[in-house]
Amino acid sequence: MSKVVLITGGSSGIGKSIGEFLHNKGFVVYGTSRNPERILNSVFPLVSLDVRDIASIQTAVAKIIAISGRLDVVINNAGVGITGPLEEIPTEEIKNNFEINLFGPIEVMKAALPQMRSQKSGLIINITSIAGYMGLPYRGVYSASKGALELITEAMRMEVKSFGVHITNVAPGDFATNIAAGRYHSPVVEGSAYEVPYGNTLKTMDEHVDNGSNPNEMAEAVYKVIQAKEPNVHYKVGVFMQKFSIVLKRILPDKVYEKMLMNHYKL
């Protein structure tokens, strides 16, 4: 029997690529979007879901279970970027980022787990970020929200293992998607103490995304995770140096690693 998959944020970018890949592999795929009626080219059905709205999450999950009778895989992919000097990012934007990148995925897991427990099987894949393994300048809020989801996953997978449910993280590096267009950019303020260094760093970040890897690499990685009998705690997907940066953080003295990052961002 084909596995039923729910992908949050399935209308574009990495989520869309994963959905199309799994659809072509014979999975029953449901994606989500805040405005599914606006998406006309999806090869799999999209249901309405806003990860900031608990009722919306519960309704979407219940709808998919009612249609398919089960829920085998949940991919928490919906997320949003945010950049800026922490001093200049409005507090409401920081809270919004955590609502989408952390609290939303938690609520999706809460909504899916009762069904998975009753099935005595299920897999939840949280799409985090290599940026979640380190505090990056002018991306501190994003690093923190994704890093928090990594740790939540580590804890929850131990809590649900006895139910036959697996939870894992897949952390992508830079991929060529529209995330840069969708993220919150704190404006580069003329005369600000951060005007020059933040402006330069913002250009570097956008170049990394523009020159990023093909999102299909994430789709193939997620497919392999779904096929694994006992998924690992963490997976990293990206170019060698992005993945190696996590290794370096573990082995280098803190100040040496900090200096390496500052040189990379020309700070």
Protein backbone atom coordinates (compact mmCIF):
# COMPACT_ATOMS: atom_id res chain seq x y z
CA MET A 1 0.00 0.00 0.00
CA SER A 2 1.34 3.43 -0.96
CA LYS A 3 2.51 5.53 1.97
CA VAL A 4 0.58 8.73 2.69
CA VAL A 5 2.84 11.78 2.98
CA LEU A 6 2.07 15.27 4.27
CA ILE A 7 4.49 18.07 3.32
CA THR A 8 4.02 21.50 4.84
CA GLY A 9 4.98 24.33 2.52
CA GLY A 10 4.57 22.12 -0.53
CA SER A 11 3.73 24.75 -3.12
CA SER A 12 7.27 25.94 -3.95
CA GLY A 13 10.98 25.44 -3.40
CA ILE A 14 12.28 22.40 -1.55
CA GLY A 15 8.79 21.28 -0.48
CA LYS A 16 7.52 21.24 -4.05
CA SER A 17 10.61 19.34 -5.24
CA ILE A 18 10.20 16.73 -2.50
CA GLY A 19 6.50 16.37 -3.24
CA GLU A 20 6.96 15.89 -6.97
CA PHE A 21 9.77 13.38 -6.42
CA LEU A 22 7.72 11.30 -3.98
CA HIS A 23 4.61 11.57 -6.16
CA ASN A 24 6.58 10.15 -9.08
CA LYS A 25 7.76 7.32 -6.81
CA GLY A 26 4.15 6.32 -6.16
CA PHE A 27 3.57 7.90 -2.77
CA VAL A 28 0.21 9.52 -1.95
CA VAL A 29 1.36 13.10 -1.41
CA TYR A 30 -0.50 16.01 0.14
CA GLY A 31 1.16 19.41 0.25
CA THR A 32 0.04 22.48 2.13
CA SER A 33 -0.17 26.16 1.37
CA ARG A 34 -1.77 29.13 3.05
CA ASN A 35 -3.56 29.85 -0.23
CA PRO A 36 -3.79 26.58 -2.19
CA GLU A 37 -6.37 28.04 -4.59
CA ARG A 38 -3.65 30.28 -6.03
CA ILE A 39 -1.43 27.33 -6.99
CA LEU A 40 -2.47 26.02 -10.39
CA ASN A 41 0.42 23.77 -11.40
CA SER A 42 0.79 21.32 -8.50
CA VAL A 43 0.96 17.63 -9.50
CA PHE A 44 -0.26 16.62 -6.02
CA PRO A 45 -3.20 18.00 -4.01
CA LEU A 46 -2.65 20.99 -1.73
CA VAL A 47 -4.66 21.59 1.43
CA SER A 48 -5.00 24.86 3.29
CA LEU A 49 -2.68 25.16 6.30
CA ASP A 50 -1.04 28.06 8.12
CA VAL A 51 1.60 26.83 10.56
CA ARG A 52 0.91 29.87 12.78
CA ASP A 53 -2.70 28.75 13.28
CA ILE A 54 -3.22 25.65 15.45
CA ALA A 55 -6.82 25.16 14.31
CA SER A 56 -5.66 25.30 10.69
CA ILE A 57 -3.05 22.61 11.38
CA GLN A 58 -5.50 20.31 13.16
CA THR A 59 -8.12 20.72 10.40
CA ALA A 60 -5.62 19.95 7.62
CA VAL A 61 -4.22 16.85 9.33
CA ALA A 62 -7.71 15.57 10.14
CA LYS A 63 -8.79 16.12 6.53
CA ILE A 64 -5.90 14.09 5.13
CA ILE A 65 -6.50 11.25 7.61
CA ALA A 66 -10.22 11.27 6.77
CA ILE A 67 -9.48 10.98 3.04
CA SER A 68 -6.64 8.44 3.21
CA GLY A 69 -7.34 6.58 6.45
CA ARG A 70 -3.75 6.88 7.62
CA LEU A 71 -0.71 9.15 7.78
CA ASP A 72 2.70 7.58 7.30
CA VAL A 73 5.14 10.43 6.76
CA VAL A 74 5.05 14.08 7.84
CA ILE A 75 7.66 16.43 6.40
CA ASN A 76 7.84 19.69 8.34
CA ASN A 77 9.21 21.80 5.52
CA ALA A 78 7.36 25.13 5.87
CA GLY A 79 9.81 27.77 7.04
CA VAL A 80 10.93 31.31 6.48
CA GLY A 81 14.24 33.12 6.51
CA ILE A 82 15.11 36.29 8.36
CA THR A 83 18.17 38.52 8.24
CA GLY A 84 19.40 41.61 10.00
CA PRO A 85 21.36 42.90 12.97
CA LEU A 86 19.61 41.59 16.07
CA GLU A 87 19.53 45.11 17.48
CA GLU A 88 17.51 46.36 14.50
CA ILE A 89 15.09 43.47 13.85
CA PRO A 90 11.60 44.30 15.20
CA THR A 91 10.66 41.96 18.05
CA GLU A 92 7.40 41.01 16.31
CA GLU A 93 9.43 39.73 13.33
CA ILE A 94 11.59 37.61 15.65
CA LYS A 95 8.47 36.12 17.23
CA ASN A 96 6.92 35.49 13.80
CA ASN A 97 10.03 33.61 12.69
CA PHE A 98 9.86 31.32 15.72
CA GLU A 99 6.11 30.82 15.17
CA ILE A 100 6.78 29.53 11.65
CA ASN A 101 10.12 27.75 12.07
CA LEU A 102 9.67 26.22 15.53
CA PHE A 103 6.21 26.40 17.09
CA GLY A 104 4.45 25.55 13.81
CA PRO A 105 6.38 22.31 13.29
CA ILE A 106 5.78 21.38 16.95
CA GLU A 107 2.03 21.79 16.48
CA VAL A 108 2.11 19.75 13.25
CA MET A 109 3.86 16.94 15.15
CA LYS A 110 1.30 17.16 17.95
CA ALA A 111 -1.52 16.87 15.42
CA ALA A 112 0.01 13.89 13.60
CA LEU A 113 1.25 11.80 16.52
CA PRO A 114 -2.11 10.39 17.75
CA GLN A 115 -2.74 8.83 14.32
CA MET A 116 0.81 7.49 14.09
CA ARG A 117 0.55 6.02 17.58
CA SER A 118 -2.67 4.25 16.66
CA GLN A 119 -0.96 2.83 13.55
CA LYS A 120 2.12 1.91 15.61
CA SER A 121 4.18 3.40 12.80
CA GLY A 122 5.11 6.73 11.31
CA LEU A 123 7.98 8.99 10.32
CA ILE A 124 8.35 12.72 10.92
CA ILE A 125 11.10 14.55 9.06
CA ASN A 126 11.90 18.07 10.23
CA ILE A 127 13.63 20.22 7.61
CA THR A 128 16.04 22.34 9.60
CA SER A 129 19.23 24.00 8.29
CA ILE A 130 22.97 23.72 8.46
CA ALA A 131 22.70 27.32 9.75
CA GLY A 132 21.02 25.82 12.82
CA TYR A 133 24.32 24.31 13.94
CA MET A 134 26.02 27.67 14.43
CA GLY A 135 25.22 31.30 15.19
CA LEU A 136 25.74 33.14 11.92
CA PRO A 137 26.16 36.94 11.82
CA TYR A 138 23.01 38.75 10.73
CA ARG A 139 21.20 35.39 10.63
CA GLY A 140 21.11 34.81 14.37
CA VAL A 141 17.32 34.55 14.62
CA TYR A 142 17.16 32.03 11.77
CA SER A 143 20.05 30.01 13.24
CA ALA A 144 18.32 30.00 16.63
CA SER A 145 14.88 28.92 15.37
CA LYS A 146 16.31 26.11 13.25
CA GLY A 147 18.76 25.07 15.95
CA ALA A 148 15.91 24.87 18.45
CA LEU A 149 13.99 22.57 16.11
CA GLU A 150 17.05 20.32 15.87
CA LEU A 151 17.10 19.93 19.67
CA ILE A 152 13.33 19.47 19.94
CA THR A 153 13.66 16.64 17.41
CA GLU A 154 16.44 14.98 19.43
CA ALA A 155 14.22 14.99 22.51
CA MET A 156 10.95 13.99 20.85
CA ARG A 157 12.38 11.03 18.95
CA MET A 158 13.27 9.41 22.29
CA GLU A 159 9.79 10.13 23.66
CA VAL A 160 7.93 8.47 20.76
CA LYS A 161 10.27 5.63 19.80
CA SER A 162 8.35 3.05 21.86
CA PHE A 163 5.22 3.84 19.79
CA GLY A 164 6.92 2.77 16.56
CA VAL A 165 7.27 6.39 15.43
CA HIS A 166 10.57 7.81 14.15
CA ILE A 167 11.53 11.50 14.07
CA THR A 168 14.61 12.88 12.34
CA ASN A 169 16.18 16.09 11.08
CA VAL A 170 17.33 16.84 7.55
CA ALA A 171 19.45 19.99 7.47
CA PRO A 172 19.99 21.56 4.04
CA GLY A 173 22.71 24.00 3.11
CA ASP A 174 22.14 26.61 0.41
CA PHE A 175 19.73 25.58 -2.33
CA ALA A 176 18.56 27.55 -5.35
CA THR A 177 15.02 28.39 -4.19
CA ASN A 178 12.94 31.51 -3.66
CA ILE A 179 13.65 31.62 0.09
CA ALA A 180 15.60 34.87 -0.27
CA ALA A 181 12.55 36.57 -1.79
CA GLY A 182 10.27 35.28 0.97
CA ARG A 183 12.38 35.99 4.02
CA TYR A 184 12.20 39.07 6.20
CA HIS A 185 15.07 41.43 5.47
CA SER A 186 15.74 44.02 8.11
CA PRO A 187 16.49 47.07 5.91
CA VAL A 188 20.03 48.32 5.50
CA VAL A 189 19.68 51.62 7.33
CA GLU A 190 21.72 54.53 6.02
CA GLY A 191 23.91 55.87 8.80
CA SER A 192 23.42 52.80 10.96
CA ALA A 193 26.43 51.32 12.74
CA TYR A 194 25.64 48.11 10.82
CA GLU A 195 25.10 49.71 7.39
CA VAL A 196 28.32 48.54 5.71
CA PRO A 197 28.95 45.14 7.33
CA TYR A 198 25.29 44.06 7.15
CA GLY A 199 24.93 45.31 3.59
CA ASN A 200 27.99 43.34 2.49
CA THR A 201 26.90 40.21 4.36
CA LEU A 202 23.41 40.40 2.82
CA LYS A 203 24.92 40.40 -0.67
CA THR A 204 27.06 37.37 0.23
CA MET A 205 24.04 35.46 1.56
CA ASP A 206 21.97 36.16 -1.54
CA GLU A 207 24.83 35.02 -3.78
CA HIS A 208 25.04 31.74 -1.84
CA VAL A 209 21.34 31.06 -2.45
CA ASP A 210 21.50 32.10 -6.11
CA ASN A 211 24.42 29.71 -6.64
CA GLY A 212 22.92 27.00 -4.43
CA SER A 213 22.42 23.34 -5.20
CA ASN A 214 19.47 21.86 -7.07
CA PRO A 215 16.49 21.24 -4.71
CA ASN A 216 16.13 17.77 -6.25
CA GLU A 217 19.15 16.75 -4.14
CA MET A 218 17.01 17.36 -1.05
CA ALA A 219 14.18 15.33 -2.58
CA GLU A 220 16.49 12.37 -3.17
CA ALA A 221 17.90 12.66 0.37
CA VAL A 222 14.42 12.71 1.91
CA TYR A 223 13.42 9.68 -0.16
CA LYS A 224 16.41 7.76 1.20
CA VAL A 225 15.44 8.71 4.76
CA ILE A 226 11.91 7.40 4.19
CA GLN A 227 13.36 4.12 2.91
CA ALA A 228 15.64 3.72 5.95
CA LYS A 229 14.50 1.12 8.48
CA GLU A 230 16.04 3.02 11.40
CA PRO A 231 16.56 6.69 10.45
CA ASN A 232 19.51 8.55 11.92
CA VAL A 233 19.05 11.46 14.32
CA HIS A 234 20.55 14.00 11.91
CA TYR A 235 21.15 14.26 8.18
CA LYS A 236 22.99 17.08 6.41
CA VAL A 237 22.53 17.83 2.71
CA GLY A 238 24.71 20.33 0.88
CA VAL A 239 28.13 20.95 -0.61
CA PHE A 240 31.15 19.54 1.20
CA MET A 241 32.31 22.76 2.87
CA GLN A 242 28.86 23.53 4.29
CA LYS A 243 28.68 20.10 5.90
CA PHE A 244 32.35 20.25 6.94
CA SER A 245 31.71 23.55 8.74
CA ILE A 246 29.72 21.57 11.33
CA VAL A 247 32.69 19.25 11.88
CA LEU A 248 35.01 22.23 12.26
CA LYS A 249 32.75 23.74 14.92
CA ARG A 250 33.13 20.57 16.97
CA ILE A 251 36.91 20.39 16.75
CA LEU A 252 38.14 23.98 16.58
CA PRO A 253 38.49 26.29 19.60
CA ASP A 254 35.51 28.66 19.79
CA LYS A 255 37.48 31.81 18.99
CA VAL A 256 39.23 30.19 16.04
CA TYR A 257 35.89 29.10 14.61
CA GLU A 258 34.43 32.56 15.23
CA LYS A 259 37.36 34.15 13.39
CA MET A 260 36.85 31.75 10.48
CA LEU A 261 33.19 32.80 10.16
CA MET A 262 34.06 36.48 10.40
CA ASN A 263 36.64 36.11 7.66
CA HIS A 264 34.11 34.27 5.51
CA TYR A 265 31.60 37.11 5.87
CA LYS A 266 34.36 39.75 5.60
CA LEU A 267 33.62 41.20 9.04
